[in-house]
Amino acid sequence: MERLDEFRSTLMAQRRQLLTQVAHLEDDLRWLDASVEAEMQEEGQEQTIARLLTRLDEHDRDEIAAIERALQRIDRGEYGTCKACREPIPFARQRAVPTADTCLPCAELREALERT
């Protein structure tokens, strides 16, 4: 139970950090939008900035969603069990990647399949 509490605290701290980063990013964007010089208003530059921000935003959303799923697995008593093979996920992997929902062999297999 202590390990679950440790993982829950780690995940919640990561979530807080991501939400803070997103808030700072939004503040920076508002400042940038208000402060950009006329020559920076070119359409190509705006599109590049928009694509970059979309990717950053998607990455943050994906991380927050992974944290939420991990917290739900803790609540359901499923945390630490590989969703693919149903074997326990080693503690070292849980500590390294608290959002991991698969053991390393299953994660590697999934990645290999995705590459093909």
PDB file of N, CA and C in Angstrom:
ATOM      1  N   MET A   1       0.827  -1.202   0.000  1.00  0.00           N
ATOM      2  CA  MET A   1       0.000   0.000   0.000  1.00  0.00           C
ATOM      3  C   MET A   1       0.867   1.260   0.000  1.00  0.00           C
ATOM      4  N   GLU A   2       2.026   1.194   0.673  1.00  0.00           N
ATOM      5  CA  GLU A   2       2.908   2.357   0.702  1.00  0.00           C
ATOM      6  C   GLU A   2       3.407   2.703  -0.688  1.00  0.00           C
ATOM      7  N   ARG A   3       3.689   1.664  -1.499  1.00  0.00           N
ATOM      8  CA  ARG A   3       4.152   1.914  -2.861  1.00  0.00           C
ATOM      9  C   ARG A   3       3.066   2.600  -3.678  1.00  0.00           C
ATOM     10  N   LEU A   4       1.831   2.159  -3.518  1.00  0.00           N
ATOM     11  CA  LEU A   4       0.742   2.799  -4.250  1.00  0.00           C
ATOM     12  C   LEU A   4       0.606   4.266  -3.859  1.00  0.00           C
ATOM     13  N   ASP A   5       0.744   4.549  -2.572  1.00  0.00           N
ATOM     14  CA  ASP A   5       0.683   5.933  -2.110  1.00  0.00           C
ATOM     15  C   ASP A   5       1.828   6.752  -2.706  1.00  0.00           C
ATOM     16  N   GLU A   6       3.007   6.120  -2.802  1.00  0.00           N
ATOM     17  CA  GLU A   6       4.166   6.794  -3.394  1.00  0.00           C
ATOM     18  C   GLU A   6       3.896   7.105  -4.861  1.00  0.00           C
ATOM     19  N   PHE A   7       3.359   6.123  -5.600  1.00  0.00           N
ATOM     20  CA  PHE A   7       3.070   6.341  -7.017  1.00  0.00           C
ATOM     21  C   PHE A   7       1.969   7.371  -7.200  1.00  0.00           C
ATOM     22  N   ARG A   8       0.939   7.315  -6.372  1.00  0.00           N
ATOM     23  CA  ARG A   8      -0.138   8.301  -6.452  1.00  0.00           C
ATOM     24  C   ARG A   8       0.425   9.716  -6.238  1.00  0.00           C
ATOM     25  N   SER A   9       1.285   9.878  -5.249  1.00  0.00           N
ATOM     26  CA  SER A   9       1.883  11.194  -4.986  1.00  0.00           C
ATOM     27  C   SER A   9       2.745  11.650  -6.157  1.00  0.00           C
ATOM     28  N   THR A  10       3.525  10.734  -6.713  1.00  0.00           N
ATOM     29  CA  THR A  10       4.371  11.064  -7.860  1.00  0.00           C
ATOM     30  C   THR A  10       3.524  11.487  -9.050  1.00  0.00           C
ATOM     31  N   LEU A  11       2.480  10.724  -9.330  1.00  0.00           N
ATOM     32  CA  LEU A  11       1.602  11.039 -10.464  1.00  0.00           C
ATOM     33  C   LEU A  11       0.888  12.371 -10.265  1.00  0.00           C
ATOM     34  N   MET A  12       0.426  12.620  -9.073  1.00  0.00           N
ATOM     35  CA  MET A  12      -0.277  13.882  -8.813  1.00  0.00           C
ATOM     36  C   MET A  12       0.679  15.064  -8.927  1.00  0.00           C
ATOM     37  N   ALA A  13       1.930  14.889  -8.492  1.00  0.00           N
ATOM     38  CA  ALA A  13       2.928  15.956  -8.626  1.00  0.00           C
ATOM     39  C   ALA A  13       3.238  16.211 -10.099  1.00  0.00           C
ATOM     40  N   GLN A  14       3.337  15.141 -10.892  1.00  0.00           N
ATOM     41  CA  GLN A  14       3.572  15.309 -12.325  1.00  0.00           C
ATOM     42  C   GLN A  14       2.410  16.043 -12.981  1.00  0.00           C
ATOM     43  N   ARG A  15       1.192  15.687 -12.594  1.00  0.00           N
ATOM     44  CA  ARG A  15       0.006  16.341 -13.150  1.00  0.00           C
ATOM     45  C   ARG A  15       0.015  17.827 -12.790  1.00  0.00           C
ATOM     46  N   ARG A  16       0.304  18.150 -11.546  1.00  0.00           N
ATOM     47  CA  ARG A  16       0.360  19.563 -11.132  1.00  0.00           C
ATOM     48  C   ARG A  16       1.404  20.323 -11.949  1.00  0.00           C
ATOM     49  N   GLN A  17       2.573  19.699 -12.147  1.00  0.00           N
ATOM     50  CA  GLN A  17       3.644  20.341 -12.901  1.00  0.00           C
ATOM     51  C   GLN A  17       3.216  20.593 -14.350  1.00  0.00           C
ATOM     52  N   LEU A  18       2.587  19.610 -14.972  1.00  0.00           N
ATOM     53  CA  LEU A  18       2.126  19.786 -16.354  1.00  0.00           C
ATOM     54  C   LEU A  18       1.077  20.880 -16.463  1.00  0.00           C
ATOM     55  N   LEU A  19       0.142  20.892 -15.537  1.00  0.00           N
ATOM     56  CA  LEU A  19      -0.904  21.921 -15.577  1.00  0.00           C
ATOM     57  C   LEU A  19      -0.306  23.312 -15.371  1.00  0.00           C
ATOM     58  N   THR A  20       0.713  23.415 -14.529  1.00  0.00           N
ATOM     59  CA  THR A  20       1.401  24.691 -14.325  1.00  0.00           C
ATOM     60  C   THR A  20       2.125  25.111 -15.593  1.00  0.00           C
ATOM     61  N   GLN A  21       2.793  24.142 -16.257  1.00  0.00           N
ATOM     62  CA  GLN A  21       3.480  24.447 -17.515  1.00  0.00           C
ATOM     63  C   GLN A  21       2.499  24.940 -18.565  1.00  0.00           C
ATOM     64  N   VAL A  22       1.351  24.299 -18.657  1.00  0.00           N
ATOM     65  CA  VAL A  22       0.337  24.708 -19.631  1.00  0.00           C
ATOM     66  C   VAL A  22      -0.137  26.123 -19.313  1.00  0.00           C
ATOM     67  N   ALA A  23      -0.343  26.423 -18.051  1.00  0.00           N
ATOM     68  CA  ALA A  23      -0.784  27.765 -17.668  1.00  0.00           C
ATOM     69  C   ALA A  23       0.269  28.808 -18.039  1.00  0.00           C
ATOM     70  N   HIS A  24       1.542  28.477 -17.795  1.00  0.00           N
ATOM     71  CA  HIS A  24       2.618  29.411 -18.166  1.00  0.00           C
ATOM     72  C   HIS A  24       2.687  29.579 -19.682  1.00  0.00           C
ATOM     73  N   LEU A  25       2.510  28.488 -20.414  1.00  0.00           N
ATOM     74  CA  LEU A  25       2.520  28.555 -21.870  1.00  0.00           C
ATOM     75  C   LEU A  25       1.404  29.461 -22.365  1.00  0.00           C
ATOM     76  N   GLU A  26       0.224  29.317 -21.781  1.00  0.00           N
ATOM     77  CA  GLU A  26      -0.899  30.172 -22.182  1.00  0.00           C
ATOM     78  C   GLU A  26      -0.600  31.637 -21.882  1.00  0.00           C
ATOM     79  N   ASP A  27       0.021  31.910 -20.730  1.00  0.00           N
ATOM     80  CA  ASP A  27       0.397  33.285 -20.399  1.00  0.00           C
ATOM     81  C   ASP A  27       1.400  33.821 -21.415  1.00  0.00           C
ATOM     82  N   ASP A  28       2.398  32.986 -21.762  1.00  0.00           N
ATOM     83  CA  ASP A  28       3.404  33.395 -22.743  1.00  0.00           C
ATOM     84  C   ASP A  28       2.767  33.662 -24.101  1.00  0.00           C
ATOM     85  N   LEU A  29       1.806  32.838 -24.478  1.00  0.00           N
ATOM     86  CA  LEU A  29       1.133  33.035 -25.763  1.00  0.00           C
ATOM     87  C   LEU A  29       0.344  34.340 -25.783  1.00  0.00           C
ATOM     88  N   ARG A  30      -0.320  34.642 -24.682  1.00  0.00           N
ATOM     89  CA  ARG A  30      -1.061  35.900 -24.611  1.00  0.00           C
ATOM     90  C   ARG A  30      -0.102  37.087 -24.731  1.00  0.00           C
ATOM     91  N   TRP A  31       1.050  36.992 -24.055  1.00  0.00           N
ATOM     92  CA  TRP A  31       2.041  38.065 -24.143  1.00  0.00           C
ATOM     93  C   TRP A  31       2.565  38.169 -25.570  1.00  0.00           C
ATOM     94  N   LEU A  32       2.877  37.021 -26.168  1.00  0.00           N
ATOM     95  CA  LEU A  32       3.401  37.013 -27.530  1.00  0.00           C
ATOM     96  C   LEU A  32       2.391  37.605 -28.501  1.00  0.00           C
ATOM     97  N   ASP A  33       1.160  37.217 -28.348  1.00  0.00           N
ATOM     98  CA  ASP A  33       0.107  37.719 -29.226  1.00  0.00           C
ATOM     99  C   ASP A  33      -0.013  39.235 -29.104  1.00  0.00           C
ATOM    100  N   ALA A  34       0.132  39.769 -27.911  1.00  0.00           N
ATOM    101  CA  ALA A  34      -0.003  41.204 -27.690  1.00  0.00           C
ATOM    102  C   ALA A  34       1.262  41.968 -28.082  1.00  0.00           C
ATOM    103  N   SER A  35       2.414  41.292 -28.128  1.00  0.00           N
ATOM    104  CA  SER A  35       3.688  41.974 -28.304  1.00  0.00           C
ATOM    105  C   SER A  35       4.353  41.751 -29.660  1.00  0.00           C
ATOM    106  N   VAL A  36       3.797  40.909 -30.473  1.00  0.00           N
ATOM    107  CA  VAL A  36       4.450  40.572 -31.739  1.00  0.00           C
ATOM    108  C   VAL A  36       4.478  41.787 -32.667  1.00  0.00           C
ATOM    109  N   GLU A  37       5.649  41.999 -33.281  1.00  0.00           N
ATOM    110  CA  GLU A  37       5.803  43.106 -34.217  1.00  0.00           C
ATOM    111  C   GLU A  37       5.122  42.772 -35.536  1.00  0.00           C
ATOM    112  N   ALA A  38       4.884  43.794 -36.350  1.00  0.00           N
ATOM    113  CA  ALA A  38       4.144  43.630 -37.601  1.00  0.00           C
ATOM    114  C   ALA A  38       4.802  42.611 -38.535  1.00  0.00           C
ATOM    115  N   GLU A  39       6.132  42.632 -38.640  1.00  0.00           N
ATOM    116  CA  GLU A  39       6.777  41.699 -39.564  1.00  0.00           C
ATOM    117  C   GLU A  39       6.648  40.242 -39.114  1.00  0.00           C
ATOM    118  N   MET A  40       6.345  40.021 -37.862  1.00  0.00           N
ATOM    119  CA  MET A  40       6.154  38.670 -37.357  1.00  0.00           C
ATOM    120  C   MET A  40       4.752  38.158 -37.679  1.00  0.00           C
ATOM    121  N   GLN A  41       3.923  38.990 -38.229  1.00  0.00           N
ATOM    122  CA  GLN A  41       2.545  38.627 -38.503  1.00  0.00           C
ATOM    123  C   GLN A  41       2.382  37.870 -39.820  1.00  0.00           C
ATOM    124  N   GLU A  42       3.483  37.556 -40.489  1.00  0.00           N
ATOM    125  CA  GLU A  42       3.383  36.845 -41.759  1.00  0.00           C
ATOM    126  C   GLU A  42       2.683  35.511 -41.555  1.00  0.00           C
ATOM    127  N   GLU A  43       1.898  35.143 -42.553  1.00  0.00           N
ATOM    128  CA  GLU A  43       1.069  33.941 -42.461  1.00  0.00           C
ATOM    129  C   GLU A  43       1.902  32.684 -42.213  1.00  0.00           C
ATOM    130  N   GLY A  44       3.012  32.529 -42.901  1.00  0.00           N
ATOM    131  CA  GLY A  44       3.847  31.335 -42.751  1.00  0.00           C
ATOM    132  C   GLY A  44       4.363  31.177 -41.334  1.00  0.00           C
ATOM    133  N   GLN A  45       4.797  32.260 -40.730  1.00  0.00           N
ATOM    134  CA  GLN A  45       5.300  32.207 -39.364  1.00  0.00           C
ATOM    135  C   GLN A  45       4.183  31.876 -38.392  1.00  0.00           C
ATOM    136  N   GLU A  46       3.016  32.437 -38.623  1.00  0.00           N
ATOM    137  CA  GLU A  46       1.875  32.150 -37.754  1.00  0.00           C
ATOM    138  C   GLU A  46       1.505  30.672 -37.826  1.00  0.00           C
ATOM    139  N   GLN A  47       1.527  30.116 -39.036  1.00  0.00           N
ATOM    140  CA  GLN A  47       1.189  28.707 -39.193  1.00  0.00           C
ATOM    141  C   GLN A  47       2.219  27.821 -38.497  1.00  0.00           C
ATOM    142  N   THR A  48       3.487  28.189 -38.605  1.00  0.00           N
ATOM    143  CA  THR A  48       4.536  27.405 -37.945  1.00  0.00           C
ATOM    144  C   THR A  48       4.357  27.439 -36.436  1.00  0.00           C
ATOM    145  N   ILE A  49       4.095  28.612 -35.901  1.00  0.00           N
ATOM    146  CA  ILE A  49       3.877  28.741 -34.460  1.00  0.00           C
ATOM    147  C   ILE A  49       2.651  27.929 -34.040  1.00  0.00           C
ATOM    148  N   ALA A  50       1.584  28.013 -34.814  1.00  0.00           N
ATOM    149  CA  ALA A  50       0.360  27.287 -34.484  1.00  0.00           C
ATOM    150  C   ALA A  50       0.600  25.780 -34.487  1.00  0.00           C
ATOM    151  N   ARG A  51       1.328  25.265 -35.492  1.00  0.00           N
ATOM    152  CA  ARG A  51       1.625  23.825 -35.544  1.00  0.00           C
ATOM    153  C   ARG A  51       2.455  23.398 -34.340  1.00  0.00           C
ATOM    154  N   LEU A  52       3.463  24.197 -33.987  1.00  0.00           N
ATOM    155  CA  LEU A  52       4.305  23.870 -32.839  1.00  0.00           C
ATOM    156  C   LEU A  52       3.480  23.845 -31.556  1.00  0.00           C
ATOM    157  N   LEU A  53       2.642  24.840 -31.368  1.00  0.00           N
ATOM    158  CA  LEU A  53       1.830  24.914 -30.154  1.00  0.00           C
ATOM    159  C   LEU A  53       0.830  23.766 -30.097  1.00  0.00           C
ATOM    160  N   THR A  54       0.292  23.373 -31.240  1.00  0.00           N
ATOM    161  CA  THR A  54      -0.641  22.250 -31.271  1.00  0.00           C
ATOM    162  C   THR A  54       0.061  20.975 -30.835  1.00  0.00           C
ATOM    163  N   ARG A  55       1.281  20.764 -31.335  1.00  0.00           N
ATOM    164  CA  ARG A  55       2.033  19.566 -30.941  1.00  0.00           C
ATOM    165  C   ARG A  55       2.365  19.597 -29.453  1.00  0.00           C
ATOM    166  N   LEU A  56       2.807  20.745 -28.964  1.00  0.00           N
ATOM    167  CA  LEU A  56       3.115  20.853 -27.537  1.00  0.00           C
ATOM    168  C   LEU A  56       1.862  20.604 -26.713  1.00  0.00           C
ATOM    169  N   ASP A  57       0.773  21.189 -27.136  1.00  0.00           N
ATOM    170  CA  ASP A  57      -0.475  21.043 -26.415  1.00  0.00           C
ATOM    171  C   ASP A  57      -0.935  19.586 -26.419  1.00  0.00           C
ATOM    172  N   GLU A  58      -0.825  18.905 -27.570  1.00  0.00           N
ATOM    173  CA  GLU A  58      -1.210  17.502 -27.663  1.00  0.00           C
ATOM    174  C   GLU A  58      -0.343  16.647 -26.750  1.00  0.00           C
ATOM    175  N   HIS A  59       0.952  16.947 -26.725  1.00  0.00           N
ATOM    176  CA  HIS A  59       1.863  16.185 -25.872  1.00  0.00           C
ATOM    177  C   HIS A  59       1.470  16.341 -24.401  1.00  0.00           C
ATOM    178  N   ASP A  60       1.214  17.566 -23.993  1.00  0.00           N
ATOM    179  CA  ASP A  60       0.806  17.802 -22.608  1.00  0.00           C
ATOM    180  C   ASP A  60      -0.512  17.111 -22.295  1.00  0.00           C
ATOM    181  N   ARG A  61      -1.471  17.200 -23.230  1.00  0.00           N
ATOM    182  CA  ARG A  61      -2.755  16.528 -23.021  1.00  0.00           C
ATOM    183  C   ARG A  61      -2.566  15.019 -22.916  1.00  0.00           C
ATOM    184  N   ASP A  62      -1.708  14.463 -23.760  1.00  0.00           N
ATOM    185  CA  ASP A  62      -1.449  13.023 -23.717  1.00  0.00           C
ATOM    186  C   ASP A  62      -0.833  12.619 -22.378  1.00  0.00           C
ATOM    187  N   GLU A  63       0.109  13.420 -21.892  1.00  0.00           N
ATOM    188  CA  GLU A  63       0.739  13.109 -20.606  1.00  0.00           C
ATOM    189  C   GLU A  63      -0.264  13.186 -19.461  1.00  0.00           C
ATOM    190  N   ILE A  64      -1.082  14.213 -19.467  1.00  0.00           N
ATOM    191  CA  ILE A  64      -2.088  14.361 -18.407  1.00  0.00           C
ATOM    192  C   ILE A  64      -3.082  13.201 -18.470  1.00  0.00           C
ATOM    193  N   ALA A  65      -3.481  12.804 -19.676  1.00  0.00           N
ATOM    194  CA  ALA A  65      -4.405  11.673 -19.823  1.00  0.00           C
ATOM    195  C   ALA A  65      -3.771  10.383 -19.315  1.00  0.00           C
ATOM    196  N   ALA A  66      -2.487  10.171 -19.587  1.00  0.00           N
ATOM    197  CA  ALA A  66      -1.788   8.978 -19.098  1.00  0.00           C
ATOM    198  C   ALA A  66      -1.731   8.970 -17.571  1.00  0.00           C
ATOM    199  N   ILE A  67      -1.516  10.131 -16.991  1.00  0.00           N
ATOM    200  CA  ILE A  67      -1.498  10.243 -15.525  1.00  0.00           C
ATOM    201  C   ILE A  67      -2.875   9.923 -14.964  1.00  0.00           C
ATOM    202  N   GLU A  68      -3.917  10.469 -15.588  1.00  0.00           N
ATOM    203  CA  GLU A  68      -5.287  10.199 -15.122  1.00  0.00           C
ATOM    204  C   GLU A  68      -5.607   8.703 -15.198  1.00  0.00           C
ATOM    205  N   ARG A  69      -5.198   8.067 -16.296  1.00  0.00           N
ATOM    206  CA  ARG A  69      -5.454   6.622 -16.432  1.00  0.00           C
ATOM    207  C   ARG A  69      -4.707   5.842 -15.351  1.00  0.00           C
ATOM    208  N   ALA A  70      -3.476   6.240 -15.050  1.00  0.00           N
ATOM    209  CA  ALA A  70      -2.706   5.559 -14.007  1.00  0.00           C
ATOM    210  C   ALA A  70      -3.378   5.732 -12.642  1.00  0.00           C
ATOM    211  N   LEU A  71      -3.864   6.925 -12.353  1.00  0.00           N
ATOM    212  CA  LEU A  71      -4.563   7.158 -11.087  1.00  0.00           C
ATOM    213  C   LEU A  71      -5.844   6.321 -11.008  1.00  0.00           C
ATOM    214  N   GLN A  72      -6.529   6.179 -12.127  1.00  0.00           N
ATOM    215  CA  GLN A  72      -7.732   5.339 -12.152  1.00  0.00           C
ATOM    216  C   GLN A  72      -7.376   3.868 -11.904  1.00  0.00           C
ATOM    217  N   ARG A  73      -6.246   3.422 -12.477  1.00  0.00           N
ATOM    218  CA  ARG A  73      -5.820   2.038 -12.237  1.00  0.00           C
ATOM    219  C   ARG A  73      -5.497   1.823 -10.764  1.00  0.00           C
ATOM    220  N   ILE A  74      -4.910   2.825 -10.126  1.00  0.00           N
ATOM    221  CA  ILE A  74      -4.642   2.726  -8.681  1.00  0.00           C
ATOM    222  C   ILE A  74      -5.962   2.568  -7.940  1.00  0.00           C
ATOM    223  N   ASP A  75      -6.934   3.417  -8.263  1.00  0.00           N
ATOM    224  CA  ASP A  75      -8.235   3.375  -7.593  1.00  0.00           C
ATOM    225  C   ASP A  75      -8.948   2.039  -7.790  1.00  0.00           C
ATOM    226  N   ARG A  76      -8.795   1.434  -8.966  1.00  0.00           N
ATOM    227  CA  ARG A  76      -9.454   0.160  -9.256  1.00  0.00           C
ATOM    228  C   ARG A  76      -8.657  -1.048  -8.775  1.00  0.00           C
ATOM    229  N   GLY A  77      -7.449  -0.798  -8.258  1.00  0.00           N
ATOM    230  CA  GLY A  77      -6.612  -1.906  -7.804  1.00  0.00           C
ATOM    231  C   GLY A  77      -5.915  -2.636  -8.939  1.00  0.00           C
ATOM    232  N   GLU A  78      -5.793  -1.987 -10.097  1.00  0.00           N
ATOM    233  CA  GLU A  78      -5.175  -2.609 -11.263  1.00  0.00           C
ATOM    234  C   GLU A  78      -3.780  -2.073 -11.556  1.00  0.00           C
ATOM    235  N   TYR A  79      -3.337  -1.114 -10.777  1.00  0.00           N
ATOM    236  CA  TYR A  79      -2.040  -0.499 -11.030  1.00  0.00           C
ATOM    237  C   TYR A  79      -0.936  -1.533 -10.822  1.00  0.00           C
ATOM    238  N   GLY A  80       0.022  -1.541 -11.735  1.00  0.00           N
ATOM    239  CA  GLY A  80       1.146  -2.451 -11.609  1.00  0.00           C
ATOM    240  C   GLY A  80       0.939  -3.785 -12.298  1.00  0.00           C
ATOM    241  N   THR A  81      -0.196  -3.934 -12.992  1.00  0.00           N
ATOM    242  CA  THR A  81      -0.472  -5.151 -13.752  1.00  0.00           C
ATOM    243  C   THR A  81      -0.465  -4.791 -15.236  1.00  0.00           C
ATOM    244  N   CYS A  82       0.298  -5.540 -16.024  1.00  0.00           N
ATOM    245  CA  CYS A  82       0.397  -5.289 -17.463  1.00  0.00           C
ATOM    246  C   CYS A  82      -0.954  -5.525 -18.114  1.00  0.00           C
ATOM    247  N   LYS A  83      -1.403  -4.541 -18.886  1.00  0.00           N
ATOM    248  CA  LYS A  83      -2.713  -4.682 -19.537  1.00  0.00           C
ATOM    249  C   LYS A  83      -2.667  -5.667 -20.697  1.00  0.00           C
ATOM    250  N   ALA A  84      -1.474  -6.019 -21.172  1.00  0.00           N
ATOM    251  CA  ALA A  84      -1.354  -6.949 -22.291  1.00  0.00           C
ATOM    252  C   ALA A  84      -1.252  -8.397 -21.834  1.00  0.00           C
ATOM    253  N   CYS A  85      -0.331  -8.669 -20.924  1.00  0.00           N
ATOM    254  CA  CYS A  85      -0.099 -10.065 -20.518  1.00  0.00           C
ATOM    255  C   CYS A  85      -0.642 -10.379 -19.126  1.00  0.00           C
ATOM    256  N   ARG A  86      -1.105  -9.350 -18.408  1.00  0.00           N
ATOM    257  CA  ARG A  86      -1.683  -9.487 -17.068  1.00  0.00           C
ATOM    258  C   ARG A  86      -0.663  -9.903 -15.999  1.00  0.00           C
ATOM    259  N   GLU A  87       0.628  -9.841 -16.329  1.00  0.00           N
ATOM    260  CA  GLU A  87       1.681 -10.131 -15.355  1.00  0.00           C
ATOM    261  C   GLU A  87       2.017  -8.844 -14.597  1.00  0.00           C
ATOM    262  N   PRO A  88       2.613  -8.969 -13.399  1.00  0.00           N
ATOM    263  CA  PRO A  88       3.009  -7.762 -12.668  1.00  0.00           C
ATOM    264  C   PRO A  88       4.079  -6.968 -13.425  1.00  0.00           C
ATOM    265  N   ILE A  89       3.935  -5.662 -13.400  1.00  0.00           N
ATOM    266  CA  ILE A  89       4.956  -4.778 -13.972  1.00  0.00           C
ATOM    267  C   ILE A  89       6.042  -4.624 -12.906  1.00  0.00           C
ATOM    268  N   PRO A  90       7.301  -4.887 -13.253  1.00  0.00           N
ATOM    269  CA  PRO A  90       8.374  -4.773 -12.254  1.00  0.00           C
ATOM    270  C   PRO A  90       8.409  -3.383 -11.611  1.00  0.00           C
ATOM    271  N   PHE A  91       8.746  -3.381 -10.335  1.00  0.00           N
ATOM    272  CA  PHE A  91       8.790  -2.147  -9.561  1.00  0.00           C
ATOM    273  C   PHE A  91       9.721  -1.118 -10.202  1.00  0.00           C
ATOM    274  N   ALA A  92      10.861  -1.558 -10.721  1.00  0.00           N
ATOM    275  CA  ALA A  92      11.814  -0.626 -11.341  1.00  0.00           C
ATOM    276  C   ALA A  92      11.169   0.103 -12.522  1.00  0.00           C
ATOM    277  N   ARG A  93      10.365  -0.601 -13.304  1.00  0.00           N
ATOM    278  CA  ARG A  93       9.676   0.044 -14.435  1.00  0.00           C
ATOM    279  C   ARG A  93       8.614   1.011 -13.925  1.00  0.00           C
ATOM    280  N   GLN A  94       7.879   0.616 -12.913  1.00  0.00           N
ATOM    281  CA  GLN A  94       6.862   1.510 -12.347  1.00  0.00           C
ATOM    282  C   GLN A  94       7.503   2.783 -11.825  1.00  0.00           C
ATOM    283  N   ARG A  95       8.643   2.625 -11.180  1.00  0.00           N
ATOM    284  CA  ARG A  95       9.318   3.802 -10.633  1.00  0.00           C
ATOM    285  C   ARG A  95       9.845   4.690 -11.756  1.00  0.00           C
ATOM    286  N   ALA A  96      10.389   4.078 -12.815  1.00  0.00           N
ATOM    287  CA  ALA A  96      10.943   4.854 -13.929  1.00  0.00           C
ATOM    288  C   ALA A  96       9.849   5.513 -14.759  1.00  0.00           C
ATOM    289  N   VAL A  97       8.745   4.793 -14.962  1.00  0.00           N
ATOM    290  CA  VAL A  97       7.641   5.298 -15.784  1.00  0.00           C
ATOM    291  C   VAL A  97       6.342   5.036 -15.025  1.00  0.00           C
ATOM    292  N   PRO A  98       5.977   5.915 -14.097  1.00  0.00           N
ATOM    293  CA  PRO A  98       4.792   5.672 -13.267  1.00  0.00           C
ATOM    294  C   PRO A  98       3.491   5.523 -14.053  1.00  0.00           C
ATOM    295  N   THR A  99       3.451   6.018 -15.277  1.00  0.00           N
ATOM    296  CA  THR A  99       2.240   5.899 -16.082  1.00  0.00           C
ATOM    297  C   THR A  99       2.209   4.615 -16.909  1.00  0.00           C
ATOM    298  N   ALA A 100       3.257   3.807 -16.832  1.00  0.00           N
ATOM    299  CA  ALA A 100       3.338   2.590 -17.653  1.00  0.00           C
ATOM    300  C   ALA A 100       2.165   1.658 -17.343  1.00  0.00           C
ATOM    301  N   ASP A 101       1.529   1.189 -18.412  1.00  0.00           N
ATOM    302  CA  ASP A 101       0.432   0.241 -18.232  1.00  0.00           C
ATOM    303  C   ASP A 101       0.774  -1.136 -18.801  1.00  0.00           C
ATOM    304  N   THR A 102       2.018  -1.262 -19.283  1.00  0.00           N
ATOM    305  CA  THR A 102       2.498  -2.550 -19.781  1.00  0.00           C
ATOM    306  C   THR A 102       3.902  -2.799 -19.253  1.00  0.00           C
ATOM    307  N   CYS A 103       4.246  -4.088 -19.181  1.00  0.00           N
ATOM    308  CA  CYS A 103       5.611  -4.444 -18.817  1.00  0.00           C
ATOM    309  C   CYS A 103       6.519  -4.107 -19.998  1.00  0.00           C
ATOM    310  N   LEU A 104       7.820  -4.117 -19.785  1.00  0.00           N
ATOM    311  CA  LEU A 104       8.757  -3.736 -20.825  1.00  0.00           C
ATOM    312  C   LEU A 104       8.689  -4.657 -22.046  1.00  0.00           C
ATOM    313  N   PRO A 105       8.656  -5.982 -21.882  1.00  0.00           N
ATOM    314  CA  PRO A 105       8.561  -6.831 -23.085  1.00  0.00           C
ATOM    315  C   PRO A 105       7.305  -6.542 -23.915  1.00  0.00           C
ATOM    316  N   CYS A 106       6.182  -6.332 -23.276  1.00  0.00           N
ATOM    317  CA  CYS A 106       4.945  -6.029 -24.019  1.00  0.00           C
ATOM    318  C   CYS A 106       5.024  -4.652 -24.675  1.00  0.00           C
ATOM    319  N   ALA A 107       5.624  -3.682 -23.998  1.00  0.00           N
ATOM    320  CA  ALA A 107       5.781  -2.345 -24.576  1.00  0.00           C
ATOM    321  C   ALA A 107       6.700  -2.399 -25.791  1.00  0.00           C
ATOM    322  N   GLU A 108       7.784  -3.167 -25.695  1.00  0.00           N
ATOM    323  CA  GLU A 108       8.697  -3.301 -26.824  1.00  0.00           C
ATOM    324  C   GLU A 108       8.023  -3.998 -28.000  1.00  0.00           C
ATOM    325  N   LEU A 109       7.225  -5.005 -27.725  1.00  0.00           N
ATOM    326  CA  LEU A 109       6.498  -5.707 -28.776  1.00  0.00           C
ATOM    327  C   LEU A 109       5.506  -4.759 -29.464  1.00  0.00           C
ATOM    328  N   ARG A 110       4.791  -3.979 -28.695  1.00  0.00           N
ATOM    329  CA  ARG A 110       3.843  -3.013 -29.250  1.00  0.00           C
ATOM    330  C   ARG A 110       4.555  -2.007 -30.139  1.00  0.00           C
ATOM    331  N   GLU A 111       5.701  -1.500 -29.680  1.00  0.00           N
ATOM    332  CA  GLU A 111       6.456  -0.543 -30.477  1.00  0.00           C
ATOM    333  C   GLU A 111       6.977  -1.166 -31.764  1.00  0.00           C
ATOM    334  N   ALA A 112       7.429  -2.411 -31.694  1.00  0.00           N
ATOM    335  CA  ALA A 112       7.907  -3.098 -32.903  1.00  0.00           C
ATOM    336  C   ALA A 112       6.781  -3.276 -33.900  1.00  0.00           C
ATOM    337  N   LEU A 113       5.606  -3.620 -33.414  1.00  0.00           N
ATOM    338  CA  LEU A 113       4.450  -3.792 -34.299  1.00  0.00           C
ATOM    339  C   LEU A 113       4.029  -2.473 -34.925  1.00  0.00           C
ATOM    340  N   GLU A 114       4.136  -1.383 -34.165  1.00  0.00           N
ATOM    341  CA  GLU A 114       3.764  -0.064 -34.676  1.00  0.00           C
ATOM    342  C   GLU A 114       4.723   0.417 -35.762  1.00  0.00           C
ATOM    343  N   ARG A 115       5.977  -0.031 -35.711  1.00  0.00           N
ATOM    344  CA  ARG A 115       6.965   0.370 -36.710  1.00  0.00           C
ATOM    345  C   ARG A 115       6.765  -0.333 -38.032  1.00  0.00           C
ATOM    346  N   THR A 116       6.101  -1.490 -37.998  1.00  0.00           N
ATOM    347  CA  THR A 116       5.942  -2.257 -39.234  1.00  0.00           C
ATOM    348  C   THR A 116       4.705  -1.861 -39.994  1.00  0.00           C
TER     349      THR A 116
END
